[in-house]
Protein backbone atom coordinates (compact mmCIF):
# COMPACT_ATOMS: atom_id res chain seq x y z
CA MET A 1 15.12 6.36 2.11
CA ALA A 2 18.49 7.78 0.85
CA ARG A 3 21.67 6.17 1.74
CA LEU A 4 24.64 8.15 1.26
CA LEU A 5 27.44 5.98 -0.50
CA TYR A 6 29.93 8.48 -0.84
CA SER A 7 31.05 11.96 -0.97
CA ASP A 8 34.11 13.93 -2.01
CA GLY A 9 33.08 17.49 -0.63
CA VAL A 10 31.45 18.27 -4.34
CA SER A 11 29.27 15.36 -5.71
CA GLU A 12 27.17 13.13 -3.49
CA LEU A 13 26.35 9.19 -4.33
CA LEU A 14 23.43 8.44 -3.20
CA GLN A 15 21.05 4.77 -3.13
CA PHE A 16 17.37 4.92 -2.84
CA ASP A 17 15.60 2.19 -1.97
CA LEU A 18 12.56 2.79 -4.16
CA THR A 19 10.67 -0.64 -3.38
CA ASP A 20 7.69 1.12 -1.34
CA GLN A 21 6.96 2.95 -4.57
CA ILE A 22 6.06 -0.88 -6.46
CA ASP A 23 2.46 -1.66 -6.98
CA GLY A 24 2.20 -3.82 -9.61
CA ILE A 25 0.87 -1.35 -11.95
CA THR A 26 3.47 1.40 -12.68
CA GLN A 27 6.59 1.61 -14.68
CA SER A 28 7.35 5.03 -13.19
CA PHE A 29 9.45 6.04 -9.99
CA ASN A 30 10.45 9.02 -8.52
CA THR A 31 13.29 10.29 -5.81
CA SER A 32 13.60 13.01 -3.96
CA SER A 33 16.54 14.91 -5.51
CA SER A 34 17.35 15.48 -8.95
CA MET A 35 19.68 12.92 -10.84
CA ASN A 36 22.50 13.02 -12.95
CA GLN A 37 21.23 11.08 -15.67
CA SER A 38 24.36 9.68 -16.99
CA SER A 39 25.39 8.62 -13.20
CA VAL A 40 21.96 6.08 -12.51
CA ARG A 41 21.88 2.46 -11.86
CA VAL A 42 18.87 0.70 -10.92
CA TYR A 43 19.13 -2.55 -10.11
CA TYR A 44 16.22 -4.88 -9.99
CA ASN A 45 15.97 -7.60 -7.14
CA GLY A 46 19.84 -7.50 -6.95
CA ILE A 47 20.68 -7.28 -11.18
CA ARG A 48 21.91 -4.42 -11.95
CA GLN A 49 19.64 -3.17 -15.44
CA SER A 50 20.84 -2.16 -18.81
CA GLN A 51 20.97 1.54 -19.44
CA ASP A 52 17.96 0.65 -22.35
CA ASP A 53 15.80 -0.44 -19.71
CA ILE A 54 15.71 3.31 -18.04
CA SER A 55 13.63 6.36 -19.67
CA PHE A 56 14.08 9.37 -17.79
CA ASN A 57 10.70 11.66 -17.31
CA SER A 58 12.41 14.53 -15.61
CA SER A 59 15.41 15.17 -12.79
CA THR A 60 13.82 13.35 -10.43
CA SER A 61 11.43 10.56 -12.17
CA PHE A 62 12.69 8.04 -14.52
CA SER A 63 10.49 4.81 -15.94
CA LEU A 64 11.55 1.20 -16.77
CA SER A 65 10.97 -1.11 -20.18
CA PHE A 66 8.91 -3.30 -17.73
CA ILE A 67 6.67 -3.29 -14.82
CA PRO A 68 8.10 -4.37 -10.97
CA GLN A 69 5.63 -6.57 -9.03
CA ILE A 70 5.01 -6.24 -5.70
CA GLY A 71 7.37 -8.37 -3.67
CA ASP A 72 10.27 -7.05 -5.92
CA HIS A 73 12.90 -4.74 -4.51
CA LEU A 74 13.60 -1.82 -6.99
CA PHE A 75 16.81 0.55 -5.64
CA ILE A 76 18.64 3.00 -7.59
CA ASP A 77 22.57 4.80 -6.98
CA TYR A 78 23.18 7.85 -8.63
CA VAL A 79 25.19 11.17 -8.38
CA VAL A 80 23.12 14.22 -6.92
CA GLY A 81 22.43 16.55 -9.95
């Protein structure tokens, strides 16, 4: 589910809780709206991940360099783009 963090009338900063996509197998995750890739911030169990750990599959999908495990938490902040 998306949560609006900021809007200036032109752009929106959203936060998505992707925890429900964690299955202990996959490294790829999807958002419901396109991401401005330079704005993406991923938080794994509350710790911001390095850009080196994130690769983009499409404007609505990204992969991590590690596999989150069931019971972990994954959030992403990004500007809709």
